[in-house]
Each structure stands twice: as C-alpha cells, then as structure tokens.
Amino acid sequence: MPRTKFEDVIFTIIMVFVMVYAMICYNIALNIGAMTYSVFLSAFHELVIMAPAAFVIDFFFVGHIAKKTAFRLVNPEKENPFHLVLAISAVSVMWMCPLMSFVATLLFKDTGMDLLPVWLQTVALNFPMAFFWQICYAGPFVRFIFRLIFRQAEKKPGTTVADECA
C-alpha cells in the first residue's frame, strides 16, 4: 500500500494508533474486570507512552522483518495478492505482541521478581486479541483510511503487487 517513505510513516502512525489504543483498552478492561466508558478515556493516558514505543519498534524493526518474511511465505504473482497482506499482518502481530507486551509489563505491571512469568502471561492474554483485531478490524480499517487519504492512481502497467507491498 504505502509507496513512499512518507506514506509508510503515515500508514504506520495510523496503524499504531488503532492497534495500540485498542490493546490498551483491552488491557485496562482486563485489569479492572469490565469494559466501561472510563476505559476509553483512561487509555489515552497510556497511549502517549505506548504509541511512540510501538512506532519505533514497528517502523524501524518489525515492519521490515514482517515484509521480508511474508515475501518468503507468499508469492503474490502466483497466489491471491491478499495472502501477502494477511501474511504481513500475521507476522507483524507475531513480533509486535510479545515486544509491546514486554514494554507494557515493564512500565505498567508490578512484577517484582516475576518479570518473565508476568510477561508470558501478558503475551498469552494479548495475542489472541491482537491477532484477531489486526486481521479482522484494524488492518482493513487502516487500509481503507489510508486509501482515502492517498487516493492512489490505478496500478501502472508492469507494476507488480510485490512492488506495491515492498
């Protein structure tokens, strides 16, 4: 989808906001035992800390790894190009969830000597939510918003799906 570095930055910012905000709401709801209106407001306090961390981790590390891995798993010229999108999303979650859960565990959980077990529990609770939120809602929503912002012209002749996803 993003074709330039600028577009990549914008896409990452939008995705970070949608994913991180939802995951913060989810974790606050888990901690207090209910999803309430106050959760949505409380999440903004953590968002200021977690969003920049997620942007740096995704933009400088995970995004590149996810694309590289996805291109090894899927050949968009021989398979449905949407499989590449799903592969990038899945690999992103596989890296981002443990890394962001670690950041959240360090910053927001009183682990004492139990850092490893608390982090593993946090990953186990976050992964299903992150995966399905990304695949079913955040990914499609962010791609839709991105297409509205950057009304991309029709694909040029000779351009491949791999060129557009790289």
N, C-alpha and C. Protein backbone atom coordinates (compact mmCIF):
# COMPACT_ATOMS: atom_id res chain seq x y z
N MET A 1 0.80 -1.20 0.00
CA MET A 1 0.00 0.00 0.00
C MET A 1 0.85 1.27 0.00
N PRO A 2 1.64 1.55 1.06
CA PRO A 2 2.47 2.76 1.00
C PRO A 2 3.52 2.62 -0.10
N ARG A 3 3.69 3.69 -0.86
CA ARG A 3 4.65 3.66 -1.97
C ARG A 3 5.90 4.48 -1.69
N THR A 4 5.82 5.39 -0.74
CA THR A 4 6.97 6.23 -0.41
C THR A 4 7.24 6.13 1.08
N LYS A 5 8.40 6.64 1.50
CA LYS A 5 8.71 6.65 2.94
C LYS A 5 7.68 7.47 3.70
N PHE A 6 7.29 8.60 3.13
CA PHE A 6 6.29 9.45 3.78
C PHE A 6 4.98 8.68 3.98
N GLU A 7 4.52 8.00 2.94
CA GLU A 7 3.29 7.21 3.06
C GLU A 7 3.46 6.09 4.07
N ASP A 8 4.65 5.50 4.12
CA ASP A 8 4.92 4.45 5.10
C ASP A 8 4.83 4.98 6.52
N VAL A 9 5.34 6.18 6.74
CA VAL A 9 5.27 6.81 8.07
C VAL A 9 3.81 7.05 8.45
N ILE A 10 3.02 7.59 7.51
CA ILE A 10 1.61 7.88 7.79
C ILE A 10 0.85 6.59 8.06
N PHE A 11 1.06 5.58 7.22
CA PHE A 11 0.39 4.30 7.42
C PHE A 11 0.73 3.72 8.79
N THR A 12 2.00 3.77 9.17
CA THR A 12 2.43 3.24 10.46
C THR A 12 1.82 4.02 11.61
N ILE A 13 1.75 5.32 11.50
CA ILE A 13 1.14 6.14 12.56
C ILE A 13 -0.33 5.77 12.75
N ILE A 14 -1.05 5.63 11.65
CA ILE A 14 -2.47 5.28 11.76
C ILE A 14 -2.63 3.88 12.36
N MET A 15 -1.84 2.93 11.87
CA MET A 15 -1.93 1.55 12.38
C MET A 15 -1.55 1.49 13.85
N VAL A 16 -0.51 2.20 14.23
CA VAL A 16 -0.09 2.22 15.64
C VAL A 16 -1.22 2.76 16.51
N PHE A 17 -1.83 3.86 16.10
CA PHE A 17 -2.91 4.43 16.90
C PHE A 17 -4.05 3.42 17.07
N VAL A 18 -4.49 2.82 15.96
CA VAL A 18 -5.65 1.91 16.02
C VAL A 18 -5.32 0.66 16.84
N MET A 19 -4.16 0.09 16.62
CA MET A 19 -3.80 -1.14 17.35
C MET A 19 -3.50 -0.86 18.82
N VAL A 20 -2.67 0.13 19.08
CA VAL A 20 -2.24 0.39 20.46
C VAL A 20 -3.40 0.86 21.32
N TYR A 21 -4.22 1.75 20.78
CA TYR A 21 -5.37 2.23 21.56
C TYR A 21 -6.30 1.07 21.93
N ALA A 22 -6.60 0.21 20.95
CA ALA A 22 -7.48 -0.93 21.22
C ALA A 22 -6.87 -1.89 22.24
N MET A 23 -5.57 -2.13 22.12
CA MET A 23 -4.92 -3.07 23.05
C MET A 23 -4.82 -2.48 24.46
N ILE A 24 -4.64 -1.18 24.55
CA ILE A 24 -4.63 -0.55 25.88
C ILE A 24 -6.02 -0.65 26.50
N CYS A 25 -7.06 -0.37 25.73
CA CYS A 25 -8.43 -0.51 26.25
C CYS A 25 -8.66 -1.94 26.72
N TYR A 26 -8.25 -2.90 25.92
CA TYR A 26 -8.41 -4.31 26.27
C TYR A 26 -7.70 -4.64 27.59
N ASN A 27 -6.47 -4.18 27.74
CA ASN A 27 -5.72 -4.49 28.96
C ASN A 27 -6.27 -3.77 30.19
N ILE A 28 -6.72 -2.55 30.02
CA ILE A 28 -7.35 -1.86 31.15
C ILE A 28 -8.61 -2.60 31.57
N ALA A 29 -9.43 -3.00 30.58
CA ALA A 29 -10.66 -3.75 30.88
C ALA A 29 -10.33 -5.06 31.59
N LEU A 30 -9.27 -5.73 31.18
CA LEU A 30 -8.86 -6.96 31.88
C LEU A 30 -8.48 -6.65 33.33
N ASN A 31 -7.74 -5.57 33.52
CA ASN A 31 -7.27 -5.21 34.87
C ASN A 31 -8.41 -4.82 35.81
N ILE A 32 -9.41 -4.10 35.29
CA ILE A 32 -10.50 -3.67 36.18
C ILE A 32 -11.67 -4.64 36.17
N GLY A 33 -11.64 -5.58 35.24
CA GLY A 33 -12.67 -6.61 35.21
C GLY A 33 -13.92 -6.25 34.43
N ALA A 34 -13.89 -5.14 33.69
CA ALA A 34 -15.06 -4.74 32.90
C ALA A 34 -14.67 -3.69 31.88
N MET A 35 -15.42 -3.66 30.79
CA MET A 35 -15.25 -2.60 29.80
C MET A 35 -16.28 -1.53 30.12
N THR A 36 -15.80 -0.35 30.47
CA THR A 36 -16.68 0.76 30.82
C THR A 36 -16.28 1.98 29.98
N TYR A 37 -17.13 3.01 30.01
CA TYR A 37 -16.80 4.23 29.28
C TYR A 37 -15.50 4.85 29.78
N SER A 38 -15.21 4.71 31.05
CA SER A 38 -13.99 5.31 31.60
C SER A 38 -12.73 4.66 31.02
N VAL A 39 -12.83 3.42 30.56
CA VAL A 39 -11.69 2.75 29.95
C VAL A 39 -11.21 3.51 28.72
N PHE A 40 -12.16 3.98 27.91
CA PHE A 40 -11.80 4.69 26.68
C PHE A 40 -11.02 5.97 26.97
N LEU A 41 -11.38 6.65 28.04
CA LEU A 41 -10.66 7.87 28.41
C LEU A 41 -9.32 7.53 29.06
N SER A 42 -9.32 6.55 29.94
CA SER A 42 -8.08 6.16 30.63
C SER A 42 -7.01 5.70 29.64
N ALA A 43 -7.42 5.10 28.56
CA ALA A 43 -6.47 4.57 27.59
C ALA A 43 -5.59 5.66 26.98
N PHE A 44 -6.11 6.87 26.88
CA PHE A 44 -5.31 7.95 26.30
C PHE A 44 -4.08 8.28 27.14
N HIS A 45 -4.16 8.05 28.46
CA HIS A 45 -3.01 8.32 29.32
C HIS A 45 -1.84 7.40 29.00
N GLU A 46 -2.13 6.15 28.72
CA GLU A 46 -1.08 5.20 28.36
C GLU A 46 -0.67 5.34 26.90
N LEU A 47 -1.60 5.79 26.06
CA LEU A 47 -1.33 5.91 24.63
C LEU A 47 -0.13 6.82 24.36
N VAL A 48 0.00 7.89 25.16
CA VAL A 48 1.10 8.83 24.94
C VAL A 48 2.46 8.16 25.14
N ILE A 49 2.49 7.14 25.95
CA ILE A 49 3.74 6.41 26.20
C ILE A 49 3.90 5.25 25.22
N MET A 50 2.84 4.49 25.03
CA MET A 50 2.93 3.26 24.25
C MET A 50 2.97 3.49 22.73
N ALA A 51 2.31 4.52 22.24
CA ALA A 51 2.29 4.76 20.79
C ALA A 51 3.68 5.08 20.23
N PRO A 52 4.45 5.97 20.87
CA PRO A 52 5.81 6.20 20.33
C PRO A 52 6.68 4.94 20.39
N ALA A 53 6.53 4.16 21.45
CA ALA A 53 7.30 2.91 21.54
C ALA A 53 6.91 1.97 20.41
N ALA A 54 5.62 1.84 20.15
CA ALA A 54 5.15 0.96 19.09
C ALA A 54 5.60 1.47 17.72
N PHE A 55 5.56 2.78 17.52
CA PHE A 55 6.00 3.32 16.23
C PHE A 55 7.47 2.98 15.96
N VAL A 56 8.32 3.21 16.94
CA VAL A 56 9.75 2.94 16.77
C VAL A 56 9.99 1.46 16.51
N ILE A 57 9.38 0.61 17.31
CA ILE A 57 9.56 -0.84 17.15
C ILE A 57 9.06 -1.29 15.78
N ASP A 58 7.88 -0.82 15.38
CA ASP A 58 7.30 -1.26 14.10
C ASP A 58 8.03 -0.66 12.91
N PHE A 59 8.23 0.64 12.92
CA PHE A 59 8.78 1.31 11.74
C PHE A 59 10.23 0.92 11.47
N PHE A 60 11.02 0.79 12.53
CA PHE A 60 12.44 0.54 12.34
C PHE A 60 12.84 -0.93 12.39
N PHE A 61 12.00 -1.79 12.94
CA PHE A 61 12.39 -3.19 13.06
C PHE A 61 11.34 -4.15 12.47
N VAL A 62 10.21 -4.22 13.12
CA VAL A 62 9.22 -5.26 12.80
C VAL A 62 8.65 -5.13 11.39
N GLY A 63 8.41 -3.92 10.93
CA GLY A 63 7.85 -3.74 9.59
C GLY A 63 8.72 -4.39 8.52
N HIS A 64 10.02 -4.20 8.63
CA HIS A 64 10.94 -4.78 7.65
C HIS A 64 10.97 -6.30 7.76
N ILE A 65 11.02 -6.79 8.98
CA ILE A 65 11.04 -8.24 9.20
C ILE A 65 9.75 -8.88 8.68
N ALA A 66 8.62 -8.23 8.96
CA ALA A 66 7.32 -8.78 8.54
C ALA A 66 7.22 -8.87 7.03
N LYS A 67 7.63 -7.82 6.33
CA LYS A 67 7.56 -7.84 4.86
C LYS A 67 8.51 -8.88 4.28
N LYS A 68 9.71 -8.92 4.81
CA LYS A 68 10.70 -9.89 4.31
C LYS A 68 10.21 -11.32 4.52
N THR A 69 9.69 -11.60 5.70
CA THR A 69 9.18 -12.94 6.00
C THR A 69 7.97 -13.26 5.14
N ALA A 70 7.06 -12.31 5.00
CA ALA A 70 5.84 -12.54 4.21
C ALA A 70 6.18 -12.86 2.76
N PHE A 71 7.17 -12.19 2.19
CA PHE A 71 7.55 -12.46 0.80
C PHE A 71 8.19 -13.84 0.64
N ARG A 72 8.75 -14.37 1.74
CA ARG A 72 9.27 -15.73 1.69
C ARG A 72 8.14 -16.75 1.77
N LEU A 73 7.05 -16.38 2.41
CA LEU A 73 5.92 -17.29 2.59
C LEU A 73 4.93 -17.26 1.43
N VAL A 74 4.78 -16.10 0.81
CA VAL A 74 3.74 -15.90 -0.20
C VAL A 74 4.36 -15.33 -1.48
N ASN A 75 3.99 -15.90 -2.60
CA ASN A 75 4.37 -15.35 -3.90
C ASN A 75 3.14 -14.67 -4.48
N PRO A 76 3.07 -13.35 -4.41
CA PRO A 76 1.86 -12.64 -4.83
C PRO A 76 1.57 -12.76 -6.33
N GLU A 77 2.57 -13.15 -7.11
CA GLU A 77 2.34 -13.31 -8.54
C GLU A 77 1.64 -14.63 -8.86
N LYS A 78 1.78 -15.61 -7.96
CA LYS A 78 1.18 -16.92 -8.19
C LYS A 78 -0.03 -17.18 -7.29
N GLU A 79 -0.12 -16.45 -6.19
CA GLU A 79 -1.22 -16.63 -5.25
C GLU A 79 -2.08 -15.38 -5.22
N ASN A 80 -3.18 -15.46 -4.51
CA ASN A 80 -4.03 -14.30 -4.31
C ASN A 80 -3.21 -13.23 -3.59
N PRO A 81 -3.10 -12.01 -4.14
CA PRO A 81 -2.28 -10.97 -3.51
C PRO A 81 -2.70 -10.64 -2.07
N PHE A 82 -3.96 -10.90 -1.75
CA PHE A 82 -4.42 -10.63 -0.39
C PHE A 82 -3.72 -11.54 0.62
N HIS A 83 -3.23 -12.69 0.17
CA HIS A 83 -2.48 -13.57 1.06
C HIS A 83 -1.22 -12.89 1.58
N LEU A 84 -0.64 -12.04 0.74
CA LEU A 84 0.54 -11.29 1.17
C LEU A 84 0.17 -10.31 2.28
N VAL A 85 -0.95 -9.64 2.12
CA VAL A 85 -1.43 -8.70 3.15
C VAL A 85 -1.66 -9.44 4.46
N LEU A 86 -2.30 -10.60 4.39
CA LEU A 86 -2.55 -11.39 5.60
C LEU A 86 -1.25 -11.87 6.23
N ALA A 87 -0.29 -12.27 5.40
CA ALA A 87 1.00 -12.74 5.92
C ALA A 87 1.74 -11.60 6.63
N ILE A 88 1.76 -10.42 6.02
CA ILE A 88 2.42 -9.27 6.66
C ILE A 88 1.74 -8.95 7.99
N SER A 89 0.42 -8.95 8.00
CA SER A 89 -0.32 -8.66 9.24
C SER A 89 -0.03 -9.70 10.33
N ALA A 90 -0.07 -10.96 9.95
CA ALA A 90 0.16 -12.03 10.93
C ALA A 90 1.58 -11.98 11.49
N VAL A 91 2.56 -11.81 10.63
CA VAL A 91 3.95 -11.76 11.10
C VAL A 91 4.17 -10.52 11.97
N SER A 92 3.54 -9.41 11.60
CA SER A 92 3.65 -8.20 12.42
C SER A 92 3.14 -8.45 13.84
N VAL A 93 1.99 -9.08 13.95
CA VAL A 93 1.43 -9.38 15.27
C VAL A 93 2.33 -10.35 16.04
N MET A 94 2.89 -11.32 15.32
CA MET A 94 3.76 -12.30 15.99
C MET A 94 4.99 -11.65 16.62
N TRP A 95 5.44 -10.54 16.06
CA TRP A 95 6.58 -9.81 16.64
C TRP A 95 6.12 -8.70 17.59
N MET A 96 5.14 -7.92 17.15
CA MET A 96 4.74 -6.76 17.94
C MET A 96 4.11 -7.14 19.27
N CYS A 97 3.29 -8.17 19.29
CA CYS A 97 2.61 -8.53 20.53
C CYS A 97 3.59 -8.85 21.67
N PRO A 98 4.55 -9.74 21.46
CA PRO A 98 5.50 -10.00 22.56
C PRO A 98 6.34 -8.78 22.93
N LEU A 99 6.76 -8.01 21.91
CA LEU A 99 7.60 -6.84 22.20
C LEU A 99 6.82 -5.76 22.95
N MET A 100 5.62 -5.45 22.49
CA MET A 100 4.82 -4.43 23.17
C MET A 100 4.32 -4.91 24.52
N SER A 101 4.05 -6.20 24.64
CA SER A 101 3.66 -6.76 25.94
C SER A 101 4.81 -6.63 26.93
N PHE A 102 6.03 -6.78 26.43
CA PHE A 102 7.20 -6.61 27.31
C PHE A 102 7.32 -5.17 27.77
N VAL A 103 7.17 -4.23 26.85
CA VAL A 103 7.22 -2.81 27.21
C VAL A 103 6.13 -2.50 28.24
N ALA A 104 4.91 -2.95 28.01
CA ALA A 104 3.81 -2.70 28.93
C ALA A 104 4.06 -3.37 30.29
N THR A 105 4.61 -4.57 30.27
CA THR A 105 4.91 -5.27 31.52
C THR A 105 5.92 -4.49 32.34
N LEU A 106 6.96 -4.00 31.68
CA LEU A 106 7.98 -3.21 32.38
C LEU A 106 7.41 -1.91 32.94
N LEU A 107 6.57 -1.23 32.16
CA LEU A 107 6.10 0.09 32.55
C LEU A 107 4.88 0.09 33.47
N PHE A 108 3.99 -0.88 33.31
CA PHE A 108 2.69 -0.77 33.98
C PHE A 108 2.36 -1.90 34.95
N LYS A 109 3.20 -2.91 35.04
CA LYS A 109 2.87 -4.02 35.93
C LYS A 109 3.92 -4.12 37.03
N ASP A 110 3.45 -4.35 38.22
CA ASP A 110 4.35 -4.51 39.35
C ASP A 110 4.75 -5.99 39.40
N THR A 111 5.85 -6.32 38.72
CA THR A 111 6.21 -7.73 38.58
C THR A 111 7.09 -8.25 39.70
N GLY A 112 7.79 -7.36 40.39
CA GLY A 112 8.73 -7.84 41.39
C GLY A 112 9.76 -8.74 40.72
N MET A 113 9.94 -9.93 41.28
CA MET A 113 10.89 -10.90 40.74
C MET A 113 10.27 -11.76 39.64
N ASP A 114 9.01 -11.56 39.34
CA ASP A 114 8.29 -12.41 38.40
C ASP A 114 8.15 -11.80 37.00
N LEU A 115 9.16 -11.09 36.53
CA LEU A 115 9.08 -10.43 35.23
C LEU A 115 8.76 -11.41 34.11
N LEU A 116 9.49 -12.50 34.02
CA LEU A 116 9.29 -13.46 32.94
C LEU A 116 7.89 -14.08 32.95
N PRO A 117 7.43 -14.64 34.09
CA PRO A 117 6.08 -15.21 34.06
C PRO A 117 4.97 -14.18 33.81
N VAL A 118 5.12 -12.97 34.35
CA VAL A 118 4.10 -11.94 34.12
C VAL A 118 4.09 -11.53 32.65
N TRP A 119 5.27 -11.39 32.05
CA TRP A 119 5.36 -11.05 30.63
C TRP A 119 4.74 -12.16 29.78
N LEU A 120 5.05 -13.41 30.07
CA LEU A 120 4.48 -14.53 29.30
C LEU A 120 2.96 -14.57 29.43
N GLN A 121 2.46 -14.32 30.64
CA GLN A 121 1.01 -14.28 30.82
C GLN A 121 0.41 -13.12 30.03
N THR A 122 1.07 -11.98 30.03
CA THR A 122 0.58 -10.82 29.29
C THR A 122 0.53 -11.12 27.79
N VAL A 123 1.57 -11.77 27.27
CA VAL A 123 1.58 -12.15 25.85
C VAL A 123 0.44 -13.12 25.57
N ALA A 124 0.27 -14.11 26.44
CA ALA A 124 -0.78 -15.12 26.23
C ALA A 124 -2.18 -14.48 26.23
N LEU A 125 -2.39 -13.49 27.05
CA LEU A 125 -3.70 -12.82 27.08
C LEU A 125 -3.87 -11.85 25.90
N ASN A 126 -2.78 -11.22 25.49
CA ASN A 126 -2.86 -10.21 24.43
C ASN A 126 -2.87 -10.78 23.02
N PHE A 127 -2.19 -11.90 22.81
CA PHE A 127 -2.00 -12.38 21.44
C PHE A 127 -3.32 -12.66 20.71
N PRO A 128 -4.25 -13.41 21.29
CA PRO A 128 -5.50 -13.66 20.52
C PRO A 128 -6.23 -12.37 20.16
N MET A 129 -6.30 -11.44 21.10
CA MET A 129 -6.97 -10.16 20.82
C MET A 129 -6.23 -9.40 19.74
N ALA A 130 -4.91 -9.30 19.85
CA ALA A 130 -4.13 -8.55 18.86
C ALA A 130 -4.25 -9.16 17.48
N PHE A 131 -4.19 -10.48 17.41
CA PHE A 131 -4.25 -11.16 16.12
C PHE A 131 -5.60 -10.92 15.43
N PHE A 132 -6.68 -11.20 16.13
CA PHE A 132 -7.99 -11.05 15.51
C PHE A 132 -8.37 -9.59 15.29
N TRP A 133 -7.97 -8.71 16.18
CA TRP A 133 -8.23 -7.29 15.98
C TRP A 133 -7.51 -6.80 14.72
N GLN A 134 -6.25 -7.22 14.55
CA GLN A 134 -5.47 -6.81 13.38
C GLN A 134 -6.05 -7.36 12.08
N ILE A 135 -6.30 -8.66 12.05
CA ILE A 135 -6.76 -9.30 10.82
C ILE A 135 -8.18 -8.87 10.45
N CYS A 136 -9.06 -8.83 11.42
CA CYS A 136 -10.49 -8.60 11.12
C CYS A 136 -10.91 -7.14 11.12
N TYR A 137 -10.28 -6.30 11.90
CA TYR A 137 -10.77 -4.94 12.05
C TYR A 137 -9.73 -3.86 11.77
N ALA A 138 -8.64 -3.85 12.52
CA ALA A 138 -7.67 -2.76 12.39
C ALA A 138 -7.05 -2.72 11.00
N GLY A 139 -6.59 -3.86 10.51
CA GLY A 139 -5.97 -3.89 9.19
C GLY A 139 -6.88 -3.37 8.09
N PRO A 140 -8.08 -3.96 7.94
CA PRO A 140 -8.99 -3.45 6.90
C PRO A 140 -9.36 -1.97 7.10
N PHE A 141 -9.60 -1.56 8.33
CA PHE A 141 -9.97 -0.17 8.61
C PHE A 141 -8.83 0.78 8.24
N VAL A 142 -7.62 0.46 8.65
CA VAL A 142 -6.48 1.34 8.37
C VAL A 142 -6.18 1.39 6.87
N ARG A 143 -6.28 0.26 6.20
CA ARG A 143 -6.07 0.28 4.74
C ARG A 143 -7.13 1.13 4.05
N PHE A 144 -8.38 1.07 4.53
CA PHE A 144 -9.45 1.90 3.98
C PHE A 144 -9.16 3.38 4.20
N ILE A 145 -8.78 3.76 5.41
CA ILE A 145 -8.46 5.16 5.73
C ILE A 145 -7.27 5.62 4.90
N PHE A 146 -6.26 4.77 4.80
CA PHE A 146 -5.06 5.11 4.03
C PHE A 146 -5.42 5.37 2.56
N ARG A 147 -6.27 4.52 2.01
CA ARG A 147 -6.69 4.71 0.61
C ARG A 147 -7.48 6.01 0.45
N LEU A 148 -8.25 6.40 1.45
CA LEU A 148 -8.98 7.67 1.38
C LEU A 148 -8.01 8.86 1.39
N ILE A 149 -6.99 8.76 2.22
CA ILE A 149 -6.01 9.85 2.33
C ILE A 149 -5.16 9.95 1.07
N PHE A 150 -4.67 8.82 0.63
CA PHE A 150 -3.80 8.78 -0.54
C PHE A 150 -4.55 8.08 -1.67
N ARG A 151 -5.40 8.82 -2.29
CA ARG A 151 -6.17 8.24 -3.40
C ARG A 151 -5.19 7.80 -4.47
N GLN A 152 -4.83 6.54 -4.39
CA GLN A 152 -3.80 6.02 -5.27
C GLN A 152 -4.35 5.81 -6.68
N ALA A 153 -3.57 6.23 -7.63
CA ALA A 153 -3.94 6.04 -9.03
C ALA A 153 -3.94 4.55 -9.34
N GLU A 154 -4.59 4.21 -10.45
CA GLU A 154 -4.62 2.80 -10.82
C GLU A 154 -3.20 2.31 -11.02
N LYS A 155 -3.04 1.02 -10.83
CA LYS A 155 -1.73 0.40 -10.93
C LYS A 155 -1.16 0.62 -12.33
N LYS A 156 0.10 1.06 -12.38
CA LYS A 156 0.77 1.29 -13.66
C LYS A 156 1.07 -0.05 -14.32
N PRO A 157 1.03 -0.09 -15.65
CA PRO A 157 1.38 -1.34 -16.35
C PRO A 157 2.80 -1.75 -15.99
N GLY A 158 2.98 -3.03 -15.74
CA GLY A 158 4.30 -3.56 -15.38
C GLY A 158 4.58 -3.53 -13.90
N THR A 159 3.72 -2.86 -13.11
CA THR A 159 3.89 -2.83 -11.66
C THR A 159 3.29 -4.10 -11.06
N THR A 160 4.02 -4.72 -10.18
CA THR A 160 3.54 -5.95 -9.57
C THR A 160 3.02 -5.66 -8.17
N VAL A 161 2.29 -6.61 -7.63
CA VAL A 161 1.81 -6.49 -6.26
C VAL A 161 3.00 -6.42 -5.31
N ALA A 162 4.04 -7.16 -5.62
CA ALA A 162 5.24 -7.14 -4.77
C ALA A 162 5.84 -5.74 -4.72
N ASP A 163 5.82 -5.00 -5.84
CA ASP A 163 6.33 -3.64 -5.85
C ASP A 163 5.52 -2.74 -4.93
N GLU A 164 4.20 -2.93 -4.91
CA GLU A 164 3.34 -2.09 -4.10
C GLU A 164 3.42 -2.40 -2.62
N CYS A 165 3.73 -3.64 -2.24
CA CYS A 165 3.79 -4.02 -0.83
C CYS A 165 5.17 -3.86 -0.24
N ALA A 166 6.18 -3.70 -1.07
CA ALA A 166 7.57 -3.60 -0.58
C ALA A 166 7.82 -2.28 0.09
